[in-house]
N, C-alpha and C. Protein backbone atom coordinates (compact mmCIF):
# COMPACT_ATOMS: atom_id res chain seq x y z
N MET A 1 148.66 158.57 115.04
CA MET A 1 147.42 158.45 115.83
C MET A 1 146.59 157.31 115.24
N ASP A 2 146.10 156.45 116.17
CA ASP A 2 145.28 155.33 115.70
C ASP A 2 143.95 155.82 115.17
N GLN A 3 143.57 155.22 114.10
CA GLN A 3 142.28 155.58 113.52
C GLN A 3 141.17 154.75 114.16
N LYS A 4 140.07 155.38 114.45
CA LYS A 4 138.92 154.67 114.99
C LYS A 4 138.25 153.87 113.87
N PRO A 5 137.74 152.70 114.23
CA PRO A 5 137.05 151.90 113.20
C PRO A 5 135.92 152.69 112.59
N THR A 6 135.79 152.56 111.33
CA THR A 6 134.69 153.23 110.64
C THR A 6 133.40 152.47 110.88
N ILE A 7 132.29 153.10 110.51
CA ILE A 7 130.98 152.47 110.67
C ILE A 7 130.88 151.20 109.83
N SER A 8 131.46 151.22 108.64
CA SER A 8 131.38 150.06 107.76
C SER A 8 132.15 148.88 108.32
N GLN A 9 133.30 149.18 108.98
CA GLN A 9 134.08 148.11 109.60
C GLN A 9 133.30 147.48 110.75
N ASP A 10 132.65 148.31 111.57
CA ASP A 10 131.84 147.79 112.67
C ASP A 10 130.71 146.91 112.15
N GLN A 11 130.09 147.36 111.08
CA GLN A 11 129.01 146.58 110.50
C GLN A 11 129.51 145.23 109.98
N SER A 12 130.73 145.24 109.41
CA SER A 12 131.29 144.01 108.86
C SER A 12 131.60 143.02 109.98
N ARG A 13 132.17 143.55 111.09
CA ARG A 13 132.46 142.66 112.22
C ARG A 13 131.18 142.08 112.82
N THR A 14 130.18 142.93 112.95
CA THR A 14 128.90 142.47 113.49
C THR A 14 128.29 141.40 112.60
N ALA A 15 128.41 141.60 111.27
CA ALA A 15 127.86 140.63 110.33
C ALA A 15 128.57 139.29 110.45
N ARG A 16 129.93 139.34 110.62
CA ARG A 16 130.68 138.10 110.75
C ARG A 16 130.32 137.36 112.03
N LYS A 17 130.15 138.12 113.12
CA LYS A 17 129.75 137.49 114.37
C LYS A 17 128.36 136.85 114.25
N GLY A 18 127.45 137.57 113.59
CA GLY A 18 126.10 137.03 113.40
C GLY A 18 126.12 135.77 112.57
N LEU A 19 126.96 135.76 111.52
CA LEU A 19 127.06 134.59 110.66
C LEU A 19 127.61 133.40 111.44
N GLY A 20 128.62 133.67 112.29
CA GLY A 20 129.19 132.60 113.10
C GLY A 20 128.17 132.00 114.04
N ARG A 21 127.35 132.87 114.64
CA ARG A 21 126.30 132.36 115.53
C ARG A 21 125.28 131.53 114.75
N ASP A 22 124.92 131.98 113.56
CA ASP A 22 123.95 131.24 112.74
C ASP A 22 124.47 129.86 112.39
N VAL A 23 125.75 129.79 112.02
CA VAL A 23 126.35 128.51 111.66
C VAL A 23 126.35 127.57 112.87
N LEU A 24 126.71 128.12 114.05
CA LEU A 24 126.73 127.31 115.27
C LEU A 24 125.35 126.79 115.61
N VAL A 25 124.36 127.67 115.55
CA VAL A 25 122.98 127.27 115.85
C VAL A 25 122.50 126.22 114.86
N ALA A 26 122.81 126.42 113.56
CA ALA A 26 122.40 125.46 112.55
C ALA A 26 123.04 124.10 112.78
N SER A 27 124.32 124.11 113.19
CA SER A 27 125.03 122.85 113.45
C SER A 27 124.41 122.11 114.62
N ILE A 28 124.09 122.87 115.67
CA ILE A 28 123.48 122.25 116.85
C ILE A 28 122.11 121.66 116.50
N CYS A 29 121.31 122.45 115.76
CA CYS A 29 119.99 121.96 115.35
C CYS A 29 120.09 120.71 114.49
N GLY A 30 121.04 120.72 113.56
CA GLY A 30 121.23 119.54 112.70
C GLY A 30 121.62 118.32 113.51
N GLY A 31 122.49 118.52 114.50
CA GLY A 31 122.89 117.39 115.35
C GLY A 31 121.73 116.85 116.15
N VAL A 32 120.88 117.74 116.66
CA VAL A 32 119.73 117.32 117.44
C VAL A 32 118.76 116.53 116.57
N VAL A 33 118.51 117.02 115.35
CA VAL A 33 117.61 116.32 114.43
C VAL A 33 118.14 114.93 114.11
N ALA A 34 119.45 114.85 113.81
CA ALA A 34 120.05 113.55 113.49
C ALA A 34 119.93 112.59 114.66
N LEU A 35 120.15 113.12 115.87
CA LEU A 35 120.03 112.29 117.07
C LEU A 35 118.61 111.78 117.25
N MET A 36 117.63 112.67 117.00
CA MET A 36 116.22 112.28 117.17
C MET A 36 115.82 111.24 116.14
N VAL A 37 116.27 111.41 114.89
CA VAL A 37 115.95 110.43 113.85
C VAL A 37 116.55 109.08 114.19
N GLY A 38 117.82 109.09 114.61
CA GLY A 38 118.47 107.84 115.00
C GLY A 38 117.76 107.17 116.16
N ALA A 39 117.34 107.97 117.12
CA ALA A 39 116.64 107.42 118.28
C ALA A 39 115.30 106.84 117.88
N SER A 40 114.60 107.49 116.92
CA SER A 40 113.30 106.99 116.50
C SER A 40 113.43 105.63 115.82
N TYR A 41 114.48 105.45 114.99
CA TYR A 41 114.68 104.16 114.35
C TYR A 41 115.03 103.09 115.38
N ALA A 42 115.84 103.44 116.35
CA ALA A 42 116.22 102.49 117.38
C ALA A 42 115.04 102.16 118.27
N ALA A 43 114.10 103.10 118.40
CA ALA A 43 112.97 102.89 119.30
C ALA A 43 112.00 101.85 118.77
N VAL A 44 111.91 101.69 117.44
CA VAL A 44 110.94 100.75 116.86
C VAL A 44 111.21 99.31 117.29
N PRO A 45 112.43 98.77 117.06
CA PRO A 45 112.67 97.39 117.51
C PRO A 45 112.61 97.26 119.03
N PHE A 46 113.06 98.30 119.74
CA PHE A 46 112.99 98.25 121.20
C PHE A 46 111.55 98.19 121.67
N TYR A 47 110.69 98.99 121.04
CA TYR A 47 109.27 99.02 121.42
C TYR A 47 108.62 97.66 121.15
N ASN A 48 108.93 97.07 119.98
CA ASN A 48 108.37 95.76 119.65
C ASN A 48 108.82 94.71 120.67
N TRP A 49 110.12 94.75 121.01
CA TRP A 49 110.63 93.80 122.00
C TRP A 49 109.96 94.01 123.34
N PHE A 50 109.81 95.26 123.74
CA PHE A 50 109.20 95.58 125.03
C PHE A 50 107.75 95.07 125.08
N CYS A 51 107.00 95.28 124.00
CA CYS A 51 105.61 94.84 123.97
C CYS A 51 105.50 93.33 124.09
N ARG A 52 106.38 92.62 123.35
CA ARG A 52 106.31 91.16 123.39
C ARG A 52 106.74 90.63 124.76
N ALA A 53 107.71 91.30 125.37
CA ALA A 53 108.23 90.82 126.65
C ALA A 53 107.27 91.09 127.81
N THR A 54 106.51 92.16 127.71
CA THR A 54 105.68 92.59 128.84
C THR A 54 104.19 92.48 128.60
N GLY A 55 103.78 92.30 127.33
CA GLY A 55 102.36 92.31 127.02
C GLY A 55 101.78 93.71 126.97
N PHE A 56 102.67 94.71 126.93
CA PHE A 56 102.21 96.10 126.89
C PHE A 56 101.36 96.35 125.65
N ASN A 57 100.33 97.19 125.83
CA ASN A 57 99.43 97.56 124.74
C ASN A 57 98.67 96.36 124.16
N GLY A 58 98.47 95.35 125.00
CA GLY A 58 97.67 94.21 124.57
C GLY A 58 98.40 93.21 123.70
N THR A 59 99.72 93.28 123.63
CA THR A 59 100.48 92.34 122.81
C THR A 59 100.48 90.97 123.48
N THR A 60 100.04 89.95 122.76
CA THR A 60 99.98 88.61 123.33
C THR A 60 101.37 87.99 123.36
N GLN A 61 101.48 86.88 124.09
CA GLN A 61 102.75 86.17 124.22
C GLN A 61 102.78 84.95 123.30
N VAL A 62 103.97 84.45 123.03
CA VAL A 62 104.14 83.26 122.19
C VAL A 62 104.67 82.13 123.06
N ALA A 63 103.90 81.07 123.17
CA ALA A 63 104.29 79.91 123.95
C ALA A 63 104.79 78.81 123.02
N ILE A 64 105.69 77.98 123.52
CA ILE A 64 106.21 76.88 122.70
C ILE A 64 105.59 75.54 123.09
N SER A 65 104.82 75.53 124.17
CA SER A 65 104.20 74.28 124.59
C SER A 65 103.03 74.59 125.50
N ALA A 66 102.28 73.54 125.85
CA ALA A 66 101.17 73.69 126.79
C ALA A 66 101.71 74.02 128.17
N PRO A 67 100.91 74.64 129.02
CA PRO A 67 101.38 74.98 130.36
C PRO A 67 101.60 73.72 131.21
N ALA A 68 102.51 73.82 132.17
CA ALA A 68 102.77 72.68 133.05
C ALA A 68 101.58 72.42 133.97
N THR A 69 100.84 73.48 134.29
CA THR A 69 99.67 73.37 135.15
C THR A 69 98.44 73.03 134.32
N GLY A 70 97.68 72.05 134.74
CA GLY A 70 96.46 71.70 134.04
C GLY A 70 95.38 72.74 134.24
N PRO A 71 94.25 72.60 133.53
CA PRO A 71 93.15 73.57 133.66
C PRO A 71 92.70 73.71 135.10
N ILE A 72 92.40 74.95 135.50
CA ILE A 72 91.89 75.20 136.83
C ILE A 72 90.43 75.64 136.73
N ALA A 73 89.77 75.70 137.87
CA ALA A 73 88.31 75.86 137.87
C ALA A 73 87.84 77.20 137.32
N ARG A 74 88.60 78.25 137.55
CA ARG A 74 88.14 79.58 137.14
C ARG A 74 87.99 79.65 135.62
N LYS A 75 86.87 80.19 135.17
CA LYS A 75 86.60 80.32 133.75
C LYS A 75 86.65 81.78 133.30
N ILE A 76 86.99 81.97 132.03
CA ILE A 76 87.00 83.30 131.42
C ILE A 76 86.38 83.18 130.03
N ALA A 77 85.54 84.12 129.67
CA ALA A 77 84.99 84.17 128.32
C ALA A 77 86.00 84.84 127.39
N VAL A 78 86.22 84.25 126.24
CA VAL A 78 87.13 84.83 125.24
C VAL A 78 86.32 85.16 123.99
N ARG A 79 86.33 86.42 123.62
CA ARG A 79 85.63 86.88 122.43
C ARG A 79 86.61 87.04 121.29
N PHE A 80 86.12 86.85 120.06
CA PHE A 80 86.98 86.90 118.88
C PHE A 80 86.49 87.96 117.91
N ASP A 81 87.39 88.85 117.56
CA ASP A 81 87.07 89.99 116.70
C ASP A 81 87.90 89.89 115.42
N SER A 82 87.34 90.35 114.29
CA SER A 82 88.07 90.29 113.02
C SER A 82 87.86 91.57 112.23
N ASN A 83 88.92 92.04 111.58
CA ASN A 83 88.87 93.26 110.78
C ASN A 83 89.78 93.09 109.57
N VAL A 84 89.46 93.81 108.50
CA VAL A 84 90.29 93.82 107.29
C VAL A 84 90.56 95.27 106.92
N ALA A 85 91.82 95.61 106.76
CA ALA A 85 92.20 96.98 106.43
C ALA A 85 91.84 97.29 104.97
N PRO A 86 91.63 98.56 104.65
CA PRO A 86 91.35 98.95 103.25
C PRO A 86 92.45 98.47 102.31
N GLY A 87 92.04 98.05 101.12
CA GLY A 87 93.00 97.62 100.12
C GLY A 87 93.20 96.12 100.06
N LEU A 88 92.58 95.38 100.97
CA LEU A 88 92.70 93.92 100.96
C LEU A 88 91.30 93.33 100.77
N PRO A 89 91.02 92.70 99.62
CA PRO A 89 89.67 92.23 99.30
C PRO A 89 89.36 90.86 99.92
N TRP A 90 89.46 90.79 101.24
CA TRP A 90 89.23 89.53 101.92
C TRP A 90 88.00 89.62 102.82
N LYS A 91 87.31 88.50 102.94
CA LYS A 91 86.28 88.33 103.96
C LYS A 91 86.91 87.52 105.08
N PHE A 92 86.84 88.02 106.30
CA PHE A 92 87.58 87.44 107.41
C PHE A 92 86.69 87.45 108.65
N GLU A 93 86.47 86.28 109.24
CA GLU A 93 85.58 86.22 110.39
C GLU A 93 85.88 84.98 111.24
N PRO A 94 85.59 85.06 112.54
CA PRO A 94 85.76 83.87 113.40
C PRO A 94 84.60 82.92 113.22
N GLU A 95 84.84 81.62 113.37
CA GLU A 95 83.75 80.65 113.29
C GLU A 95 82.89 80.69 114.55
N GLN A 96 83.47 81.15 115.65
CA GLN A 96 82.72 81.38 116.88
C GLN A 96 83.08 82.77 117.38
N THR A 97 82.10 83.50 117.82
CA THR A 97 82.39 84.86 118.30
C THR A 97 82.77 84.89 119.77
N GLU A 98 82.43 83.85 120.51
CA GLU A 98 82.77 83.81 121.94
C GLU A 98 82.72 82.38 122.45
N ILE A 99 83.68 82.03 123.31
CA ILE A 99 83.67 80.74 124.00
C ILE A 99 84.09 80.98 125.44
N GLU A 100 83.79 80.01 126.29
CA GLU A 100 84.22 80.07 127.68
C GLU A 100 85.27 79.00 127.91
N VAL A 101 86.40 79.38 128.51
CA VAL A 101 87.50 78.44 128.72
C VAL A 101 87.93 78.49 130.18
N ASN A 102 88.49 77.38 130.64
CA ASN A 102 89.13 77.37 131.94
C ASN A 102 90.52 77.99 131.81
N ILE A 103 90.96 78.68 132.81
CA ILE A 103 92.33 79.18 132.82
C ILE A 103 93.29 78.00 132.73
N SER A 104 94.30 78.13 131.89
CA SER A 104 95.32 77.12 131.63
C SER A 104 94.86 76.02 130.68
N GLN A 105 93.64 76.10 130.18
CA GLN A 105 93.13 75.11 129.21
C GLN A 105 93.60 75.46 127.81
N VAL A 106 94.27 74.55 127.13
CA VAL A 106 94.71 74.75 125.75
C VAL A 106 93.49 74.60 124.84
N THR A 107 93.24 75.62 124.05
CA THR A 107 92.02 75.67 123.23
C THR A 107 92.37 76.01 121.79
N THR A 108 91.65 75.39 120.86
CA THR A 108 91.82 75.69 119.43
C THR A 108 90.53 76.28 118.89
N ILE A 109 90.66 77.43 118.24
CA ILE A 109 89.50 78.03 117.56
C ILE A 109 89.93 78.32 116.11
N TYR A 110 88.94 78.59 115.25
CA TYR A 110 89.24 78.80 113.83
C TYR A 110 88.65 80.11 113.34
N TYR A 111 89.43 80.76 112.50
CA TYR A 111 88.93 81.88 111.69
C TYR A 111 88.85 81.40 110.25
N THR A 112 87.92 81.95 109.48
CA THR A 112 87.87 81.67 108.05
C THR A 112 88.17 82.95 107.28
N VAL A 113 88.89 82.79 106.19
CA VAL A 113 89.22 83.93 105.35
C VAL A 113 89.00 83.54 103.90
N THR A 114 88.41 84.45 103.14
CA THR A 114 88.13 84.20 101.72
C THR A 114 88.69 85.35 100.91
N ASN A 115 89.48 85.01 99.89
CA ASN A 115 89.98 86.02 98.96
C ASN A 115 88.88 86.30 97.93
N GLN A 116 88.27 87.46 98.01
CA GLN A 116 87.14 87.78 97.12
C GLN A 116 87.59 88.42 95.81
N ALA A 117 88.89 88.51 95.61
CA ALA A 117 89.41 89.12 94.38
C ALA A 117 89.61 88.06 93.30
N ALA A 118 89.70 88.51 92.06
CA ALA A 118 89.97 87.60 90.94
C ALA A 118 91.46 87.51 90.67
N ARG A 119 92.25 87.78 91.67
CA ARG A 119 93.71 87.72 91.55
C ARG A 119 94.28 87.23 92.89
N THR A 120 95.51 86.78 92.84
CA THR A 120 96.19 86.35 94.06
C THR A 120 96.51 87.58 94.91
N THR A 121 96.24 87.48 96.19
CA THR A 121 96.50 88.59 97.11
C THR A 121 97.19 88.05 98.35
N SER A 122 97.90 88.94 99.05
CA SER A 122 98.63 88.56 100.25
C SER A 122 98.32 89.52 101.38
N GLY A 123 98.32 88.97 102.59
CA GLY A 123 98.08 89.80 103.77
C GLY A 123 98.76 89.22 104.98
N GLN A 124 98.86 90.01 106.00
CA GLN A 124 99.39 89.54 107.27
C GLN A 124 98.62 90.21 108.39
N ALA A 125 98.38 89.45 109.45
CA ALA A 125 97.52 89.93 110.53
C ALA A 125 98.33 90.54 111.66
N ALA A 126 97.81 91.63 112.19
CA ALA A 126 98.27 92.19 113.45
C ALA A 126 97.22 91.85 114.50
N TYR A 127 97.60 91.86 115.76
CA TYR A 127 96.68 91.37 116.78
C TYR A 127 96.94 92.04 118.12
N ASN A 128 95.94 92.03 118.97
CA ASN A 128 96.11 92.40 120.36
C ASN A 128 94.93 91.86 121.15
N VAL A 129 95.02 92.01 122.46
CA VAL A 129 93.91 91.58 123.31
C VAL A 129 93.45 92.75 124.16
N ALA A 130 92.23 92.68 124.59
CA ALA A 130 91.67 93.68 125.50
C ALA A 130 90.99 92.94 126.66
N PRO A 131 91.12 93.46 127.89
CA PRO A 131 91.85 94.67 128.27
C PRO A 131 93.34 94.57 127.95
N LEU A 132 93.96 95.72 127.70
CA LEU A 132 95.36 95.74 127.30
C LEU A 132 96.28 95.15 128.36
N THR A 133 95.85 95.19 129.62
CA THR A 133 96.72 94.73 130.71
C THR A 133 96.85 93.21 130.78
N VAL A 134 96.05 92.47 130.02
CA VAL A 134 96.11 91.01 130.11
C VAL A 134 96.95 90.40 128.98
N GLY A 135 97.61 91.22 128.18
CA GLY A 135 98.41 90.70 127.08
C GLY A 135 99.48 89.73 127.54
N SER A 136 100.06 89.98 128.70
CA SER A 136 101.15 89.12 129.18
C SER A 136 100.65 87.76 129.64
N TYR A 137 99.33 87.59 129.78
CA TYR A 137 98.77 86.32 130.24
C TYR A 137 98.12 85.52 129.11
N PHE A 138 98.00 86.10 127.93
CA PHE A 138 97.36 85.41 126.81
C PHE A 138 98.45 84.77 125.96
N GLN A 139 98.56 83.45 126.04
CA GLN A 139 99.66 82.72 125.40
C GLN A 139 99.15 82.01 124.14
N LYS A 140 99.82 82.28 123.01
CA LYS A 140 99.44 81.63 121.75
C LYS A 140 100.51 80.62 121.36
N ILE A 141 100.09 79.37 121.17
CA ILE A 141 101.01 78.31 120.75
C ILE A 141 101.13 78.28 119.24
N ASN A 142 100.01 78.49 118.56
CA ASN A 142 100.01 78.48 117.09
C ASN A 142 99.03 79.54 116.61
N CYS A 143 99.44 80.25 115.53
CA CYS A 143 98.58 81.34 115.06
C CYS A 143 98.94 81.69 113.62
N PHE A 144 97.93 81.94 112.80
CA PHE A 144 98.15 82.35 111.41
C PHE A 144 98.84 83.71 111.31
N CYS A 145 98.80 84.48 112.39
CA CYS A 145 99.41 85.81 112.37
C CYS A 145 100.92 85.75 112.36
N PHE A 146 101.50 84.58 112.63
CA PHE A 146 102.95 84.48 112.67
C PHE A 146 103.57 84.54 111.28
N THR A 147 102.77 84.30 110.23
CA THR A 147 103.32 84.26 108.88
C THR A 147 102.44 85.04 107.91
N GLU A 148 103.06 85.46 106.83
CA GLU A 148 102.34 86.12 105.74
C GLU A 148 101.45 85.10 105.05
N GLN A 149 100.26 85.50 104.69
CA GLN A 149 99.31 84.60 104.04
C GLN A 149 99.09 85.04 102.59
N THR A 150 99.26 84.10 101.66
CA THR A 150 99.02 84.37 100.24
C THR A 150 97.90 83.46 99.75
N MET A 151 96.89 84.05 99.12
CA MET A 151 95.71 83.29 98.74
C MET A 151 95.40 83.45 97.25
N ALA A 152 95.02 82.35 96.64
CA ALA A 152 94.65 82.35 95.22
C ALA A 152 93.29 83.01 95.03
N PRO A 153 92.94 83.38 93.80
CA PRO A 153 91.63 83.99 93.55
C PRO A 153 90.48 83.11 94.04
N GLY A 154 89.59 83.67 94.85
CA GLY A 154 88.43 82.94 95.34
C GLY A 154 88.72 81.90 96.41
N GLU A 155 89.98 81.77 96.83
CA GLU A 155 90.32 80.74 97.81
C GLU A 155 89.71 81.04 99.18
N LYS A 156 89.24 79.99 99.84
CA LYS A 156 88.73 80.08 101.20
C LYS A 156 89.57 79.17 102.09
N ARG A 157 89.90 79.65 103.26
CA ARG A 157 90.81 78.90 104.12
C ARG A 157 90.37 79.00 105.57
N GLU A 158 90.50 77.87 106.29
CA GLU A 158 90.30 77.86 107.73
C GLU A 158 91.67 77.96 108.40
N MET A 159 91.79 78.86 109.35
CA MET A 159 93.08 79.08 110.00
C MET A 159 92.91 79.00 111.51
N PRO A 160 93.72 78.15 112.15
CA PRO A 160 93.55 77.93 113.58
C PRO A 160 94.34 78.90 114.45
N VAL A 161 93.85 79.08 115.65
CA VAL A 161 94.59 79.75 116.71
C VAL A 161 94.56 78.82 117.92
N VAL A 162 95.72 78.49 118.44
CA VAL A 162 95.83 77.63 119.61
C VAL A 162 96.36 78.49 120.76
N PHE A 163 95.63 78.54 121.85
CA PHE A 163 95.99 79.47 122.92
C PHE A 163 95.60 78.92 124.29
N TYR A 164 96.10 79.58 125.31
CA TYR A 164 95.60 79.36 126.68
C TYR A 164 95.83 80.63 127.49
N VAL A 165 95.09 80.76 128.56
CA VAL A 165 95.27 81.88 129.49
C VAL A 165 96.21 81.40 130.59
N ASP A 166 97.32 82.11 130.75
CA ASP A 166 98.36 81.68 131.68
C ASP A 166 97.81 81.60 133.11
N PRO A 167 98.09 80.49 133.80
CA PRO A 167 97.57 80.34 135.17
C PRO A 167 98.11 81.37 136.16
N SER A 168 99.21 82.03 135.83
CA SER A 168 99.76 83.03 136.75
C SER A 168 98.83 84.23 136.91
N ILE A 169 97.80 84.32 136.04
CA ILE A 169 96.87 85.45 136.14
C ILE A 169 96.10 85.40 137.47
N VAL A 170 95.96 84.23 138.05
CA VAL A 170 95.22 84.13 139.31
C VAL A 170 95.96 84.81 140.45
N ASN A 171 97.26 85.02 140.29
CA ASN A 171 98.05 85.70 141.33
C ASN A 171 98.07 87.21 141.14
N ASP A 172 97.51 87.68 140.05
CA ASP A 172 97.44 89.11 139.78
C ASP A 172 96.07 89.60 140.26
N HIS A 173 96.05 90.17 141.46
CA HIS A 173 94.76 90.52 142.05
C HIS A 173 94.11 91.72 141.37
N ASP A 174 94.86 92.43 140.53
CA ASP A 174 94.24 93.49 139.74
C ASP A 174 93.26 92.92 138.72
N ASN A 175 93.42 91.61 138.42
CA ASN A 175 92.53 90.96 137.45
C ASN A 175 91.57 89.98 138.11
N ASP A 176 91.34 90.12 139.40
CA ASP A 176 90.42 89.22 140.09
C ASP A 176 89.01 89.29 139.50
N GLY A 177 88.61 90.47 139.05
CA GLY A 177 87.27 90.64 138.51
C GLY A 177 87.18 90.42 137.01
N LEU A 178 88.28 90.00 136.39
CA LEU A 178 88.27 89.81 134.94
C LEU A 178 87.38 88.65 134.55
N SER A 179 86.44 88.90 133.65
CA SER A 179 85.54 87.84 133.20
C SER A 179 85.58 87.63 131.69
N THR A 180 86.11 88.61 130.94
CA THR A 180 86.11 88.52 129.48
C THR A 180 87.41 89.06 128.90
N ILE A 181 87.94 88.35 127.93
CA ILE A 181 89.10 88.79 127.15
C ILE A 181 88.68 88.82 125.69
N THR A 182 89.04 89.86 124.97
CA THR A 182 88.74 89.96 123.54
C THR A 182 90.04 89.85 122.75
N LEU A 183 90.10 88.87 121.87
CA LEU A 183 91.23 88.68 120.96
C LEU A 183 90.85 89.28 119.61
N SER A 184 91.61 90.27 119.17
CA SER A 184 91.26 91.00 117.95
C SER A 184 92.38 90.89 116.91
N TYR A 185 91.96 90.63 115.66
CA TYR A 185 92.90 90.56 114.53
C TYR A 185 92.50 91.57 113.46
N THR A 186 93.49 92.13 112.82
CA THR A 186 93.27 92.94 111.62
C THR A 186 94.24 92.48 110.55
N PHE A 187 93.72 92.10 109.39
CA PHE A 187 94.57 91.72 108.26
C PHE A 187 94.88 92.97 107.44
N TYR A 188 96.17 93.13 107.12
CA TYR A 188 96.64 94.24 106.31
C TYR A 188 97.21 93.71 104.99
N PRO A 189 97.05 94.46 103.90
CA PRO A 189 97.63 94.00 102.63
C PRO A 189 99.14 94.02 102.67
N VAL A 190 99.74 93.07 101.98
CA VAL A 190 101.20 93.01 101.83
C VAL A 190 101.52 93.43 100.40
N LYS A 191 102.23 94.53 100.26
CA LYS A 191 102.51 95.06 98.92
C LYS A 191 103.55 94.24 98.18
N ASP A 192 104.56 93.75 98.89
CA ASP A 192 105.63 92.98 98.26
C ASP A 192 105.71 91.61 98.93
N PRO A 193 104.81 90.70 98.57
CA PRO A 193 104.80 89.39 99.22
C PRO A 193 106.03 88.58 98.88
N VAL A 194 106.31 87.58 99.70
CA VAL A 194 107.43 86.69 99.42
C VAL A 194 107.16 85.94 98.13
N VAL A 195 108.22 85.51 97.47
CA VAL A 195 108.07 84.86 96.17
C VAL A 195 107.33 83.55 96.30
N LYS A 196 107.63 82.77 97.36
CA LYS A 196 107.00 81.47 97.54
C LYS A 196 105.69 81.64 98.29
N PRO A 197 104.55 81.30 97.67
CA PRO A 197 103.27 81.44 98.36
C PRO A 197 103.19 80.50 99.56
N ILE A 198 102.45 80.93 100.56
CA ILE A 198 102.21 80.09 101.72
C ILE A 198 100.88 79.39 101.50
N ALA A 199 100.95 78.14 101.11
CA ALA A 199 99.73 77.40 100.78
C ALA A 199 99.09 76.87 102.04
N SER A 200 97.81 76.55 101.96
CA SER A 200 97.13 75.97 103.12
C SER A 200 97.55 74.52 103.24
N GLY A 201 98.19 74.20 104.33
CA GLY A 201 98.65 72.83 104.55
C GLY A 201 97.84 72.17 105.63
N ASP A 202 98.45 71.17 106.23
CA ASP A 202 97.72 70.43 107.25
C ASP A 202 97.35 71.30 108.43
N ASP A 203 98.20 72.30 108.74
CA ASP A 203 97.90 73.14 109.90
C ASP A 203 96.70 74.04 109.66
N ASP A 204 96.29 74.21 108.39
CA ASP A 204 95.16 75.06 108.09
C ASP A 204 93.86 74.27 107.94
N LYS A 205 93.94 72.96 108.14
CA LYS A 205 92.76 72.12 108.05
C LYS A 205 92.26 71.80 109.46
N ARG A 206 90.99 71.58 109.53
CA ARG A 206 90.40 71.32 110.85
C ARG A 206 90.95 70.01 111.41
N LYS A 207 91.40 70.09 112.70
CA LYS A 207 91.89 68.92 113.40
C LYS A 207 91.24 68.87 114.78
N GLY A 208 91.18 67.70 115.31
CA GLY A 208 90.66 67.61 116.66
C GLY A 208 91.61 68.26 117.65
N ASN A 209 92.90 67.99 117.49
CA ASN A 209 93.92 68.60 118.34
C ASN A 209 95.07 69.02 117.47
N LEU A 210 95.66 70.16 117.80
CA LEU A 210 96.86 70.62 117.11
C LEU A 210 98.04 70.46 118.05
N GLN A 211 99.10 69.88 117.53
CA GLN A 211 100.29 69.75 118.34
C GLN A 211 101.07 71.05 118.31
N PRO A 212 101.68 71.47 119.42
CA PRO A 212 102.50 72.66 119.42
C PRO A 212 103.65 72.51 118.44
N PRO A 213 104.04 73.61 117.78
CA PRO A 213 105.15 73.52 116.82
C PRO A 213 106.42 73.08 117.51
N GLY A 214 107.18 72.20 116.86
CA GLY A 214 108.39 71.68 117.46
C GLY A 214 109.57 72.52 117.16
């Protein structure tokens, strides 16, 4: 006669089944976490590319030359904002807080930055424009934000920004009422600067006209 499973045997089988389910659930959860982490790392370069390509979130564009279309009659006021993140002992400000430009007019403005520390410090600027929807129309030919800046103790430097407002903005009727654009920079400290300091060269000195980088 077959013996019926004892209570202890039933408990053992139930325990094994429970353990198997736990292992399966843990494996699935681990796979999901790994997938999410991988996706998050992949999303960073994709997001940066997307912002630069579309002007999303106020990301400005990088131009290699002046526009083919000359300045047109419509004018826009451009305001200049400056900020320094904690941990960077710099004084940073625009030489002009606002100017009025014609659309498609190539314009050069200057920011000044002073290292107020008694040691060499390095920083790099992040930037955007407001309203955020006009990022795709704000074209920068030359800008100090493209490179890390290293400054000697007490050094003061003039740094240019060469830009224009893309003439295609006149075809975007959502911006027909646009009268002001704000260009904002924030300098952040660089913890591990490059070995070779970026000295102030001819591009950091005041010029009547700056040629686009070749």
